[in-house]
C-alpha cells in the first residue's frame, strides 16, 4: 500500500513550472554525477538533455519575473519539493560519503 503524501501547497502556475523544471534539471545532474555508478553514455545523454531543461528552467524563472513574482517564497517551494521527492532526488547530485578508509 502506498502511503498518503501530504498535499502540495498552493502554488502559482509559474511557481509550479519552476519546481517541475528545477527537478528536471536535478534529475539530469544526478545522472551525470561522476561519483555515482553508471556508464558514460548515460551521462552523455543526460548532459545533452540538460541544455534544453536548463533553458526551460530559465524560461520558468523569466515568466515569474515578467508576471511580477519577484520574490521566491522559499518555505512554500521547499514544502512542494519535499512532497515531490526533492530531498531524495537532490541527494543523487551530492558526493556519497567516503568509505572511511
PDB file of N, CA and C in Angstrom:
ATOM      1  N   UNK A   1       0.844  -1.174   0.000  1.00  0.00           N
ATOM      2  CA  UNK A   1       0.000   0.000   0.000  1.00  0.00           C
ATOM      3  C   UNK A   1       0.893   1.241   0.000  1.00  0.00           C
ATOM      4  N   UNK A   2       0.570   2.193  -0.848  1.00  0.00           N
ATOM      5  CA  UNK A   2       1.333   3.430  -0.973  1.00  0.00           C
ATOM      6  C   UNK A   2       0.880   4.403   0.109  1.00  0.00           C
ATOM      7  N   UNK A   3       1.842   4.973   0.864  1.00  0.00           N
ATOM      8  CA  UNK A   3       1.436   5.924   1.916  1.00  0.00           C
ATOM      9  C   UNK A   3       0.866   7.197   1.293  1.00  0.00           C
ATOM     10  N   UNK A   4      -0.059   7.805   2.027  1.00  0.00           N
ATOM     11  CA  UNK A   4      -0.627   9.078   1.569  1.00  0.00           C
ATOM     12  C   UNK A   4       0.425  10.167   1.695  1.00  0.00           C
ATOM     13  N   UNK A   5       0.610  10.900   0.619  1.00  0.00           N
ATOM     14  CA  UNK A   5       1.534  12.023   0.630  1.00  0.00           C
ATOM     15  C   UNK A   5       0.801  13.265   1.099  1.00  0.00           C
ATOM     16  N   UNK A   6       1.521  14.165   1.754  1.00  0.00           N
ATOM     17  CA  UNK A   6       0.866  15.423   2.110  1.00  0.00           C
ATOM     18  C   UNK A   6       0.502  16.175   0.836  1.00  0.00           C
ATOM     19  N   UNK A   7      -0.506  16.996   0.901  1.00  0.00           N
ATOM     20  CA  UNK A   7      -0.894  17.730  -0.299  1.00  0.00           C
ATOM     21  C   UNK A   7       0.162  18.767  -0.674  1.00  0.00           C
ATOM     22  N   UNK A   8       0.224  19.047  -1.954  1.00  0.00           N
ATOM     23  CA  UNK A   8       1.097  20.133  -2.413  1.00  0.00           C
ATOM     24  C   UNK A   8       0.553  21.458  -1.888  1.00  0.00           C
ATOM     25  N   UNK A   9       1.440  22.363  -1.530  1.00  0.00           N
ATOM     26  CA  UNK A   9       0.958  23.684  -1.133  1.00  0.00           C
ATOM     27  C   UNK A   9       0.397  24.411  -2.358  1.00  0.00           C
ATOM     28  N   UNK A  10      -0.382  25.438  -2.113  1.00  0.00           N
ATOM     29  CA  UNK A  10      -0.915  26.242  -3.213  1.00  0.00           C
ATOM     30  C   UNK A  10       0.230  26.979  -3.883  1.00  0.00           C
ATOM     31  N   UNK A  11       0.353  26.784  -5.187  1.00  0.00           N
ATOM     32  CA  UNK A  11       1.405  27.427  -5.973  1.00  0.00           C
ATOM     33  C   UNK A  11       0.782  28.154  -7.153  1.00  0.00           C
ATOM     34  N   UNK A  12       1.426  29.230  -7.564  1.00  0.00           N
ATOM     35  CA  UNK A  12       1.010  29.833  -8.829  1.00  0.00           C
ATOM     36  C   UNK A  12       1.436  28.894  -9.951  1.00  0.00           C
ATOM     37  N   UNK A  13       0.896  29.087 -11.127  1.00  0.00           N
ATOM     38  CA  UNK A  13       1.317  28.270 -12.272  1.00  0.00           C
ATOM     39  C   UNK A  13       2.809  28.410 -12.521  1.00  0.00           C
ATOM     40  N   UNK A  14       3.300  29.633 -12.396  1.00  0.00           N
ATOM     41  CA  UNK A  14       4.723  29.883 -12.634  1.00  0.00           C
ATOM     42  C   UNK A  14       5.584  29.187 -11.580  1.00  0.00           C
ATOM     43  N   UNK A  15       5.144  29.201 -10.322  1.00  0.00           N
ATOM     44  CA  UNK A  15       5.894  28.505  -9.276  1.00  0.00           C
ATOM     45  C   UNK A  15       5.907  26.997  -9.520  1.00  0.00           C
ATOM     46  N   UNK A  16       4.766  26.456  -9.915  1.00  0.00           N
ATOM     47  CA  UNK A  16       4.694  25.025 -10.215  1.00  0.00           C
ATOM     48  C   UNK A  16       5.624  24.671 -11.371  1.00  0.00           C
ATOM     49  N   UNK A  17       5.651  25.516 -12.379  1.00  0.00           N
ATOM     50  CA  UNK A  17       6.546  25.299 -13.518  1.00  0.00           C
ATOM     51  C   UNK A  17       8.004  25.366 -13.072  1.00  0.00           C
ATOM     52  N   UNK A  18       8.323  26.319 -12.212  1.00  0.00           N
ATOM     53  CA  UNK A  18       9.677  26.434 -11.678  1.00  0.00           C
ATOM     54  C   UNK A  18      10.080  25.150 -10.955  1.00  0.00           C
ATOM     55  N   UNK A  19       9.221  24.654 -10.087  1.00  0.00           N
ATOM     56  CA  UNK A  19       9.513  23.424  -9.334  1.00  0.00           C
ATOM     57  C   UNK A  19       9.712  22.248 -10.295  1.00  0.00           C
ATOM     58  N   UNK A  20       8.818  22.099 -11.258  1.00  0.00           N
ATOM     59  CA  UNK A  20       8.931  20.987 -12.213  1.00  0.00           C
ATOM     60  C   UNK A  20      10.222  21.063 -13.014  1.00  0.00           C
ATOM     61  N   UNK A  21      10.545  22.243 -13.517  1.00  0.00           N
ATOM     62  CA  UNK A  21      11.761  22.383 -14.338  1.00  0.00           C
ATOM     63  C   UNK A  21      13.018  22.215 -13.497  1.00  0.00           C
ATOM     64  N   UNK A  22      12.991  22.709 -12.251  1.00  0.00           N
ATOM     65  CA  UNK A  22      14.126  22.534 -11.345  1.00  0.00           C
ATOM     66  C   UNK A  22      14.389  21.048 -11.104  1.00  0.00           C
ATOM     67  N   UNK A  23      13.331  20.299 -10.831  1.00  0.00           N
ATOM     68  CA  UNK A  23      13.502  18.870 -10.589  1.00  0.00           C
ATOM     69  C   UNK A  23      13.966  18.136 -11.846  1.00  0.00           C
ATOM     70  N   UNK A  24      13.538  18.591 -13.016  1.00  0.00           N
ATOM     71  CA  UNK A  24      14.050  18.010 -14.266  1.00  0.00           C
ATOM     72  C   UNK A  24      15.569  18.156 -14.340  1.00  0.00           C
ATOM     73  N   UNK A  25      16.045  19.359 -14.024  1.00  0.00           N
ATOM     74  CA  UNK A  25      17.491  19.631 -14.062  1.00  0.00           C
ATOM     75  C   UNK A  25      18.215  18.799 -13.010  1.00  0.00           C
ATOM     76  N   UNK A  26      17.674  18.757 -11.814  1.00  0.00           N
ATOM     77  CA  UNK A  26      18.289  17.977 -10.730  1.00  0.00           C
ATOM     78  C   UNK A  26      18.408  16.507 -11.125  1.00  0.00           C
ATOM     79  N   UNK A  27      17.353  15.955 -11.699  1.00  0.00           N
ATOM     80  CA  UNK A  27      17.385  14.547 -12.106  1.00  0.00           C
ATOM     81  C   UNK A  27      18.494  14.289 -13.118  1.00  0.00           C
ATOM     82  N   UNK A  28      18.650  15.198 -14.064  1.00  0.00           N
ATOM     83  CA  UNK A  28      19.697  15.020 -15.074  1.00  0.00           C
ATOM     84  C   UNK A  28      21.092  15.176 -14.484  1.00  0.00           C
ATOM     85  N   UNK A  29      21.276  16.168 -13.632  1.00  0.00           N
ATOM     86  CA  UNK A  29      22.587  16.351 -12.994  1.00  0.00           C
ATOM     87  C   UNK A  29      22.922  15.128 -12.143  1.00  0.00           C
ATOM     88  N   UNK A  30      21.930  14.552 -11.496  1.00  0.00           N
ATOM     89  CA  UNK A  30      22.144  13.326 -10.734  1.00  0.00           C
ATOM     90  C   UNK A  30      22.611  12.181 -11.617  1.00  0.00           C
ATOM     91  N   UNK A  31      22.094  12.098 -12.836  1.00  0.00           N
ATOM     92  CA  UNK A  31      22.526  11.050 -13.773  1.00  0.00           C
ATOM     93  C   UNK A  31      23.935  11.303 -14.295  1.00  0.00           C
ATOM     94  N   UNK A  32      24.357  12.567 -14.313  1.00  0.00           N
ATOM     95  CA  UNK A  32      25.687  12.930 -14.810  1.00  0.00           C
ATOM     96  C   UNK A  32      26.739  12.783 -13.710  1.00  0.00           C
ATOM     97  N   UNK A  33      26.343  12.831 -12.455  1.00  0.00           N
ATOM     98  CA  UNK A  33      27.250  12.842 -11.311  1.00  0.00           C
ATOM     99  C   UNK A  33      28.327  11.759 -11.454  1.00  0.00           C
ATOM    100  N   UNK A  34      29.593  12.163 -11.610  1.00  0.00           N
ATOM    101  CA  UNK A  34      30.661  11.175 -11.805  1.00  0.00           C
ATOM    102  C   UNK A  34      30.986  10.363 -10.557  1.00  0.00           C
ATOM    103  N   UNK A  35      30.457  10.735  -9.406  1.00  0.00           N
ATOM    104  CA  UNK A  35      30.708   9.953  -8.198  1.00  0.00           C
ATOM    105  C   UNK A  35      29.691   8.829  -8.024  1.00  0.00           C
ATOM    106  N   UNK A  36      28.775   8.710  -8.954  1.00  0.00           N
ATOM    107  CA  UNK A  36      27.754   7.665  -8.917  1.00  0.00           C
ATOM    108  C   UNK A  36      28.051   6.627 -10.003  1.00  0.00           C
ATOM    109  N   UNK A  37      27.708   5.367  -9.736  1.00  0.00           N
ATOM    110  CA  UNK A  37      27.958   4.341 -10.763  1.00  0.00           C
ATOM    111  C   UNK A  37      27.084   4.557 -11.987  1.00  0.00           C
ATOM    112  N   UNK A  38      27.588   4.149 -13.109  1.00  0.00           N
ATOM    113  CA  UNK A  38      26.848   4.259 -14.364  1.00  0.00           C
ATOM    114  C   UNK A  38      27.823   4.307 -15.519  1.00  0.00           C
ATOM    115  N   UNK A  39      27.283   4.323 -16.698  1.00  0.00           N
ATOM    116  CA  UNK A  39      28.165   4.360 -17.860  1.00  0.00           C
ATOM    117  C   UNK A  39      28.230   5.762 -18.451  1.00  0.00           C
ATOM    118  N   UNK A  40      29.241   5.981 -19.275  1.00  0.00           N
ATOM    119  CA  UNK A  40      29.439   7.311 -19.851  1.00  0.00           C
ATOM    120  C   UNK A  40      28.329   7.678 -20.828  1.00  0.00           C
ATOM    121  N   UNK A  41      27.753   6.694 -21.497  1.00  0.00           N
ATOM    122  CA  UNK A  41      26.691   7.002 -22.450  1.00  0.00           C
ATOM    123  C   UNK A  41      25.475   7.588 -21.729  1.00  0.00           C
ATOM    124  N   UNK A  42      25.140   7.022 -20.578  1.00  0.00           N
ATOM    125  CA  UNK A  42      24.017   7.555 -19.804  1.00  0.00           C
ATOM    126  C   UNK A  42      24.291   8.999 -19.401  1.00  0.00           C
ATOM    127  N   UNK A  43      25.518   9.268 -18.954  1.00  0.00           N
ATOM    128  CA  UNK A  43      25.888  10.632 -18.582  1.00  0.00           C
ATOM    129  C   UNK A  43      25.867  11.571 -19.773  1.00  0.00           C
ATOM    130  N   UNK A  44      26.335  11.073 -20.915  1.00  0.00           N
ATOM    131  CA  UNK A  44      26.327  11.886 -22.137  1.00  0.00           C
ATOM    132  C   UNK A  44      24.906  12.258 -22.530  1.00  0.00           C
ATOM    133  N   UNK A  45      24.009  11.285 -22.508  1.00  0.00           N
ATOM    134  CA  UNK A  45      22.609  11.555 -22.878  1.00  0.00           C
ATOM    135  C   UNK A  45      21.974  12.558 -21.906  1.00  0.00           C
ATOM    136  N   UNK A  46      22.275  12.405 -20.635  1.00  0.00           N
ATOM    137  CA  UNK A  46      21.738  13.338 -19.641  1.00  0.00           C
ATOM    138  C   UNK A  46      22.302  14.735 -19.865  1.00  0.00           C
ATOM    139  N   UNK A  47      23.596  14.832 -20.180  1.00  0.00           N
ATOM    140  CA  UNK A  47      24.214  16.144 -20.421  1.00  0.00           C
ATOM    141  C   UNK A  47      23.610  16.809 -21.652  1.00  0.00           C
ATOM    142  N   UNK A  48      23.330  16.024 -22.663  1.00  0.00           N
ATOM    143  CA  UNK A  48      22.708  16.581 -23.867  1.00  0.00           C
ATOM    144  C   UNK A  48      21.307  17.104 -23.557  1.00  0.00           C
ATOM    145  N   UNK A  49      20.562  16.373 -22.767  1.00  0.00           N
ATOM    146  CA  UNK A  49      19.206  16.790 -22.410  1.00  0.00           C
ATOM    147  C   UNK A  49      19.212  17.979 -21.457  1.00  0.00           C
ATOM    148  N   UNK A  50      20.281  18.118 -20.700  1.00  0.00           N
ATOM    149  CA  UNK A  50      20.376  19.187 -19.710  1.00  0.00           C
ATOM    150  C   UNK A  50      20.255  20.569 -20.340  1.00  0.00           C
ATOM    151  N   UNK A  51      20.770  20.730 -21.527  1.00  0.00           N
ATOM    152  CA  UNK A  51      20.718  22.027 -22.203  1.00  0.00           C
ATOM    153  C   UNK A  51      19.266  22.503 -22.344  1.00  0.00           C
ATOM    154  N   UNK A  52      18.424  21.648 -22.872  1.00  0.00           N
ATOM    155  CA  UNK A  52      17.018  22.012 -23.058  1.00  0.00           C
ATOM    156  C   UNK A  52      16.288  22.224 -21.745  1.00  0.00           C
ATOM    157  N   UNK A  53      16.595  21.383 -20.764  1.00  0.00           N
ATOM    158  CA  UNK A  53      15.934  21.517 -19.458  1.00  0.00           C
ATOM    159  C   UNK A  53      16.382  22.788 -18.744  1.00  0.00           C
ATOM    160  N   UNK A  54      17.655  23.155 -18.893  1.00  0.00           N
ATOM    161  CA  UNK A  54      18.140  24.400 -18.289  1.00  0.00           C
ATOM    162  C   UNK A  54      17.458  25.606 -18.940  1.00  0.00           C
ATOM    163  N   UNK A  55      17.247  25.539 -20.231  1.00  0.00           N
ATOM    164  CA  UNK A  55      16.528  26.622 -20.916  1.00  0.00           C
ATOM    165  C   UNK A  55      15.099  26.717 -20.402  1.00  0.00           C
ATOM    166  N   UNK A  56      14.445  25.587 -20.196  1.00  0.00           N
ATOM    167  CA  UNK A  56      13.079  25.587 -19.677  1.00  0.00           C
ATOM    168  C   UNK A  56      13.037  26.146 -18.251  1.00  0.00           C
ATOM    169  N   UNK A  57      14.048  25.853 -17.461  1.00  0.00           N
ATOM    170  CA  UNK A  57      14.141  26.404 -16.112  1.00  0.00           C
ATOM    171  C   UNK A  57      14.316  27.917 -16.174  1.00  0.00           C
ATOM    172  N   UNK A  58      15.186  28.360 -17.062  1.00  0.00           N
ATOM    173  CA  UNK A  58      15.379  29.808 -17.245  1.00  0.00           C
ATOM    174  C   UNK A  58      14.063  30.466 -17.661  1.00  0.00           C
ATOM    175  N   UNK A  59      13.351  29.839 -18.574  1.00  0.00           N
ATOM    176  CA  UNK A  59      12.085  30.402 -19.044  1.00  0.00           C
ATOM    177  C   UNK A  59      11.044  30.470 -17.925  1.00  0.00           C
ATOM    178  N   UNK A  60      11.031  29.469 -17.038  1.00  0.00           N
ATOM    179  CA  UNK A  60      10.089  29.475 -15.913  1.00  0.00           C
ATOM    180  C   UNK A  60      10.394  30.643 -14.982  1.00  0.00           C
ATOM    181  N   UNK A  61      11.673  30.861 -14.722  1.00  0.00           N
ATOM    182  CA  UNK A  61      12.053  31.998 -13.869  1.00  0.00           C
ATOM    183  C   UNK A  61      11.759  33.329 -14.557  1.00  0.00           C
ATOM    184  N   UNK A  62      11.997  33.402 -15.846  1.00  0.00           N
ATOM    185  CA  UNK A  62      11.700  34.632 -16.587  1.00  0.00           C
ATOM    186  C   UNK A  62      10.204  34.931 -16.552  1.00  0.00           C
ATOM    187  N   UNK A  63       9.384  33.896 -16.680  1.00  0.00           N
ATOM    188  CA  UNK A  63       7.939  34.082 -16.628  1.00  0.00           C
ATOM    189  C   UNK A  63       7.505  34.599 -15.256  1.00  0.00           C
ATOM    190  N   UNK A  64       8.082  34.043 -14.212  1.00  0.00           N
ATOM    191  CA  UNK A  64       7.758  34.541 -12.870  1.00  0.00           C
ATOM    192  C   UNK A  64       8.110  36.014 -12.761  1.00  0.00           C
ATOM    193  N   UNK A  65       9.275  36.371 -13.240  1.00  0.00           N
ATOM    194  CA  UNK A  65       9.720  37.763 -13.173  1.00  0.00           C
ATOM    195  C   UNK A  65       8.792  38.670 -13.980  1.00  0.00           C
ATOM    196  N   UNK A  66       8.436  38.234 -15.181  1.00  0.00           N
ATOM    197  CA  UNK A  66       7.555  39.033 -16.035  1.00  0.00           C
ATOM    198  C   UNK A  66       6.180  39.227 -15.404  1.00  0.00           C
ATOM    199  N   UNK A  67       5.708  38.245 -14.676  1.00  0.00           N
ATOM    200  CA  UNK A  67       4.397  38.328 -14.027  1.00  0.00           C
ATOM    201  C   UNK A  67       4.435  39.115 -12.722  1.00  0.00           C
ATOM    202  N   UNK A  68       5.612  39.618 -12.381  1.00  0.00           N
ATOM    203  CA  UNK A  68       5.727  40.396 -11.160  1.00  0.00           C
ATOM    204  C   UNK A  68       5.972  39.558  -9.914  1.00  0.00           C
ATOM    205  N   UNK A  69       6.231  38.276 -10.095  1.00  0.00           N
ATOM    206  CA  UNK A  69       6.550  37.414  -8.956  1.00  0.00           C
ATOM    207  C   UNK A  69       8.042  37.565  -8.681  1.00  0.00           C
ATOM    208  N   UNK A  70       8.384  38.622  -7.959  1.00  0.00           N
ATOM    209  CA  UNK A  70       9.797  38.960  -7.776  1.00  0.00           C
ATOM    210  C   UNK A  70      10.426  38.267  -6.576  1.00  0.00           C
ATOM    211  N   UNK A  71       9.620  37.699  -5.712  1.00  0.00           N
ATOM    212  CA  UNK A  71      10.127  37.012  -4.522  1.00  0.00           C
ATOM    213  C   UNK A  71       9.909  35.513  -4.657  1.00  0.00           C
ATOM    214  N   UNK A  72      10.909  34.754  -4.247  1.00  0.00           N
ATOM    215  CA  UNK A  72      10.775  33.301  -4.166  1.00  0.00           C
ATOM    216  C   UNK A  72      10.321  32.991  -2.743  1.00  0.00           C
ATOM    217  N   UNK A  73       9.194  32.353  -2.619  1.00  0.00           N
ATOM    218  CA  UNK A  73       8.652  32.001  -1.308  1.00  0.00           C
ATOM    219  C   UNK A  73       9.236  30.648  -0.913  1.00  0.00           C
ATOM    220  N   UNK A  74      10.453  30.707  -0.378  1.00  0.00           N
ATOM    221  CA  UNK A  74      11.242  29.509  -0.122  1.00  0.00           C
ATOM    222  C   UNK A  74      10.534  28.468   0.753  1.00  0.00           C
ATOM    223  N   UNK A  75       9.906  28.839   1.851  1.00  0.00           N
ATOM    224  CA  UNK A  75       9.261  27.795   2.664  1.00  0.00           C
ATOM    225  C   UNK A  75       8.179  27.024   1.895  1.00  0.00           C
ATOM    226  N   UNK A  76       7.384  27.739   1.127  1.00  0.00           N
ATOM    227  CA  UNK A  76       6.326  27.094   0.352  1.00  0.00           C
ATOM    228  C   UNK A  76       6.915  26.216  -0.748  1.00  0.00           C
ATOM    229  N   UNK A  77       7.924  26.732  -1.446  1.00  0.00           N
ATOM    230  CA  UNK A  77       8.534  25.957  -2.522  1.00  0.00           C
ATOM    231  C   UNK A  77       9.308  24.760  -1.966  1.00  0.00           C
ATOM    232  N   UNK A  78       9.921  24.922  -0.798  1.00  0.00           N
ATOM    233  CA  UNK A  78      10.618  23.796  -0.167  1.00  0.00           C
ATOM    234  C   UNK A  78       9.622  22.701   0.209  1.00  0.00           C
ATOM    235  N   UNK A  79       8.460  23.094   0.691  1.00  0.00           N
ATOM    236  CA  UNK A  79       7.425  22.107   1.025  1.00  0.00           C
ATOM    237  C   UNK A  79       7.004  21.350  -0.237  1.00  0.00           C
ATOM    238  N   UNK A  80       6.818  22.064  -1.342  1.00  0.00           N
ATOM    239  CA  UNK A  80       6.456  21.410  -2.598  1.00  0.00           C
ATOM    240  C   UNK A  80       7.556  20.448  -3.042  1.00  0.00           C
ATOM    241  N   UNK A  81       8.800  20.866  -2.905  1.00  0.00           N
ATOM    242  CA  UNK A  81       9.917  19.986  -3.277  1.00  0.00           C
ATOM    243  C   UNK A  81       9.926  18.718  -2.428  1.00  0.00           C
ATOM    244  N   UNK A  82       9.671  18.849  -1.147  1.00  0.00           N
ATOM    245  CA  UNK A  82       9.640  17.666  -0.276  1.00  0.00           C
ATOM    246  C   UNK A  82       8.545  16.701  -0.702  1.00  0.00           C
ATOM    247  N   UNK A  83       7.354  17.240  -0.981  1.00  0.00           N
ATOM    248  CA  UNK A  83       6.233  16.386  -1.397  1.00  0.00           C
ATOM    249  C   UNK A  83       6.579  15.647  -2.693  1.00  0.00           C
ATOM    250  N   UNK A  84       7.320  16.301  -3.576  1.00  0.00           N
ATOM    251  CA  UNK A  84       7.664  15.706  -4.871  1.00  0.00           C
ATOM    252  C   UNK A  84       8.972  14.913  -4.856  1.00  0.00           C
ATOM    253  N   UNK A  85       9.473  14.607  -3.672  1.00  0.00           N
ATOM    254  CA  UNK A  85      10.683  13.790  -3.573  1.00  0.00           C
ATOM    255  C   UNK A  85      11.963  14.552  -3.808  1.00  0.00           C
ATOM    256  N   UNK A  86      11.944  15.841  -3.608  1.00  0.00           N
ATOM    257  CA  UNK A  86      13.116  16.666  -3.869  1.00  0.00           C
ATOM    258  C   UNK A  86      14.328  16.294  -3.038  1.00  0.00           C
ATOM    259  N   UNK A  87      14.120  15.902  -1.786  1.00  0.00           N
ATOM    260  CA  UNK A  87      15.268  15.523  -0.955  1.00  0.00           C
ATOM    261  C   UNK A  87      15.956  14.279  -1.511  1.00  0.00           C
ATOM    262  N   UNK A  88      15.166  13.296  -1.895  1.00  0.00           N
ATOM    263  CA  UNK A  88      15.724  12.067  -2.480  1.00  0.00           C
ATOM    264  C   UNK A  88      16.402  12.366  -3.804  1.00  0.00           C
ATOM    265  N   UNK A  89      15.767  13.193  -4.616  1.00  0.00           N
ATOM    266  CA  UNK A  89      16.291  13.477  -5.954  1.00  0.00           C
ATOM    267  C   UNK A  89      17.560  14.322  -5.908  1.00  0.00           C
ATOM    268  N   UNK A  90      17.612  15.295  -4.996  1.00  0.00           N
ATOM    269  CA  UNK A  90      18.819  16.115  -4.906  1.00  0.00           C
ATOM    270  C   UNK A  90      19.964  15.358  -4.249  1.00  0.00           C
ATOM    271  N   UNK A  91      19.671  14.326  -3.485  1.00  0.00           N
ATOM    272  CA  UNK A  91      20.736  13.523  -2.869  1.00  0.00           C
ATOM    273  C   UNK A  91      21.611  12.865  -3.933  1.00  0.00           C
ATOM    274  N   UNK A  92      21.065  12.611  -5.113  1.00  0.00           N
ATOM    275  CA  UNK A  92      21.842  11.999  -6.196  1.00  0.00           C
ATOM    276  C   UNK A  92      22.885  12.951  -6.778  1.00  0.00           C
ATOM    277  N   UNK A  93      22.740  14.237  -6.478  1.00  0.00           N
ATOM    278  CA  UNK A  93      23.662  15.238  -7.004  1.00  0.00           C
ATOM    279  C   UNK A  93      24.909  15.344  -6.134  1.00  0.00           C
ATOM    280  N   UNK A  94      24.801  14.992  -4.877  1.00  0.00           N
ATOM    281  CA  UNK A  94      25.913  15.144  -3.940  1.00  0.00           C
ATOM    282  C   UNK A  94      26.916  13.989  -4.068  1.00  0.00           C
ATOM    283  N   UNK A  95      28.081  14.199  -3.478  1.00  0.00           N
ATOM    284  CA  UNK A  95      29.094  13.152  -3.439  1.00  0.00           C
ATOM    285  C   UNK A  95      28.767  12.227  -2.282  1.00  0.00           C
ATOM    286  N   UNK A  96      28.674  10.912  -2.545  1.00  0.00           N
ATOM    287  CA  UNK A  96      28.365   9.998  -1.454  1.00  0.00           C
ATOM    288  C   UNK A  96      29.453  10.022  -0.373  1.00  0.00           C
ATOM    289  N   UNK A  97      29.097   9.704   0.860  1.00  0.00           N
ATOM    290  CA  UNK A  97      30.115   9.690   1.919  1.00  0.00           C
ATOM    291  C   UNK A  97      31.205   8.675   1.617  1.00  0.00           C
ATOM    292  N   UNK A  98      32.405   8.987   2.090  1.00  0.00           N
ATOM    293  CA  UNK A  98      33.532   8.093   1.875  1.00  0.00           C
ATOM    294  C   UNK A  98      33.391   6.795   2.645  1.00  0.00           C
ATOM    295  N   UNK A  99      34.196   5.816   2.264  1.00  0.00           N
ATOM    296  CA  UNK A  99      34.119   4.510   2.912  1.00  0.00           C
ATOM    297  C   UNK A  99      34.849   4.501   4.246  1.00  0.00           C
ATOM    298  N   UNK A 100      35.535   5.586   4.577  1.00  0.00           N
ATOM    299  CA  UNK A 100      36.224   5.675   5.852  1.00  0.00           C
ATOM    300  C   UNK A 100      37.604   5.064   5.841  1.00  0.00           C
ATOM    301  N   UNK A 101      38.096   4.655   4.666  1.00  0.00           N
ATOM    302  CA  UNK A 101      39.438   4.058   4.640  1.00  0.00           C
ATOM    303  C   UNK A 101      40.483   5.025   4.203  1.00  0.00           C
TER     304      UNK A 101
END
